[in-house]
Amino acid sequence: MTYAQVRGVWTAARERAGVGRVTIHQLRHTFATTLLRGGASILTVQRLLGHVHLESTLRYAQVSNSLVFDDVAAVARRLKEGVQGYRPDVELLAAAWPRRAGAR
């Protein structure tokens, strides 16, 4: 398939779906980010995208401070359940990973 043919197929698919001017690159970015937010490992995403170098995958996978905070809080909850007497310092966690206005 030529580039022009791929572009024509993509344009027709977008129009049928009613999604406007979405690029294939945006679709790949969304795919990678959705996988990571769903719990997939960065190595799995790397393989699915066909990247040889992990650095290429990391460009697609933007992780926000709020996601990092949520992951740290989840680990703290697991530790609390598994270690008798463990009490995570939630204020310390919040200070380390603040949720900024507008952060995803």
Protein backbone atom coordinates (compact mmCIF):
# COMPACT_ATOMS: atom_id res chain seq x y z
CA MET A 1 0.00 0.00 0.00
CA THR A 2 1.28 3.45 -0.82
CA TYR A 3 1.24 6.37 1.61
CA ALA A 4 -1.55 8.00 -0.41
CA GLN A 5 -3.66 4.82 -0.18
CA VAL A 6 -3.15 4.54 3.58
CA ARG A 7 -4.05 8.19 3.98
CA GLY A 8 -7.21 7.71 1.91
CA VAL A 9 -8.31 4.67 3.94
CA TRP A 10 -7.62 6.52 7.21
CA THR A 11 -9.53 9.61 6.07
CA ALA A 12 -12.54 7.51 5.04
CA ALA A 13 -12.49 5.61 8.36
CA ARG A 14 -12.35 8.88 10.35
CA GLU A 15 -15.26 10.32 8.42
CA ARG A 16 -17.37 7.18 8.94
CA ALA A 17 -16.58 7.25 12.66
CA GLY A 18 -17.27 10.98 12.91
CA VAL A 19 -14.09 11.69 14.87
CA GLY A 20 -12.82 14.70 12.94
CA ARG A 21 -9.15 15.33 12.21
CA VAL A 22 -7.50 12.63 14.31
CA THR A 23 -4.09 11.44 13.13
CA ILE A 24 -2.69 7.92 13.27
CA HIS A 25 0.04 9.29 15.52
CA GLN A 26 -2.59 10.56 17.98
CA LEU A 27 -4.24 7.15 17.89
CA ARG A 28 -0.93 5.42 18.74
CA HIS A 29 -0.31 7.89 21.58
CA THR A 30 -3.79 7.30 23.01
CA PHE A 31 -3.38 3.53 22.66
CA ALA A 32 -0.07 3.57 24.57
CA THR A 33 -1.34 5.90 27.30
CA THR A 34 -4.57 3.92 27.75
CA LEU A 35 -2.62 0.66 28.10
CA LEU A 36 -0.32 2.17 30.73
CA ARG A 37 -3.18 3.71 32.69
CA GLY A 38 -4.87 0.32 32.58
CA GLY A 39 -1.88 -1.30 34.25
CA ALA A 40 0.10 -2.66 31.29
CA SER A 41 3.86 -2.65 31.72
CA ILE A 42 5.97 -0.25 29.68
CA LEU A 43 7.72 -3.28 28.16
CA THR A 44 4.41 -4.68 26.92
CA VAL A 45 3.53 -1.34 25.35
CA GLN A 46 7.01 -1.16 23.78
CA ARG A 47 6.47 -4.53 22.15
CA LEU A 48 2.95 -3.74 20.95
CA LEU A 49 4.14 -0.51 19.34
CA GLY A 50 7.07 -2.31 17.73
CA HIS A 51 9.74 -0.09 19.27
CA VAL A 52 13.31 -1.37 19.51
CA HIS A 53 14.33 1.27 22.05
CA LEU A 54 12.39 1.91 25.26
CA GLU A 55 13.05 5.66 24.90
CA SER A 56 10.76 5.69 21.85
CA THR A 57 7.91 4.21 23.88
CA LEU A 58 8.42 6.64 26.74
CA ARG A 59 7.65 9.53 24.36
CA TYR A 60 4.15 8.15 23.88
CA ALA A 61 3.60 7.32 27.53
CA GLN A 62 3.12 10.53 29.44
CA VAL A 63 2.41 9.78 33.08
CA SER A 64 0.95 12.58 35.14
CA ASN A 65 1.69 13.43 38.78
CA SER A 66 -1.82 12.36 39.77
CA LEU A 67 -1.26 8.88 38.32
CA VAL A 68 2.06 8.61 40.17
CA PHE A 69 0.36 9.71 43.41
CA ASP A 70 -2.40 7.14 42.89
CA ASP A 71 0.17 4.37 42.32
CA VAL A 72 2.13 5.32 45.44
CA ALA A 73 -1.07 5.45 47.50
CA ALA A 74 -2.10 2.01 46.19
CA VAL A 75 1.25 0.53 47.24
CA ALA A 76 0.91 2.17 50.65
CA ARG A 77 -2.54 0.57 51.05
CA ARG A 78 -1.13 -2.84 50.09
CA LEU A 79 1.70 -2.44 52.57
CA LYS A 80 -0.71 -1.43 55.29
CA GLU A 81 -2.78 -4.55 54.66
CA GLY A 82 0.26 -6.81 54.56
CA VAL A 83 2.46 -5.37 57.32
CA GLN A 84 0.97 -5.31 60.80
CA GLY A 85 1.31 -1.91 62.40
CA TYR A 86 2.37 -0.13 59.18
CA ARG A 87 0.83 3.31 58.84
CA PRO A 88 1.62 5.22 55.62
CA ASP A 89 2.11 8.92 56.09
CA VAL A 90 -0.45 10.20 53.60
CA GLU A 91 0.57 13.83 54.14
CA LEU A 92 4.17 12.93 53.30
CA LEU A 93 2.99 11.15 50.14
CA ALA A 94 0.86 14.14 49.17
CA ALA A 95 3.80 16.50 49.66
CA ALA A 96 6.08 14.27 47.58
CA TRP A 97 3.59 13.99 44.66
CA PRO A 98 1.31 17.03 44.71
CA ARG A 99 -1.75 17.09 42.50
CA ARG A 100 -1.38 20.23 40.49
CA ALA A 101 -4.27 22.13 39.01
CA GLY A 102 -4.72 20.95 35.44
CA ALA A 103 -2.61 17.80 35.89
CA ARG A 104 -3.98 14.68 34.24
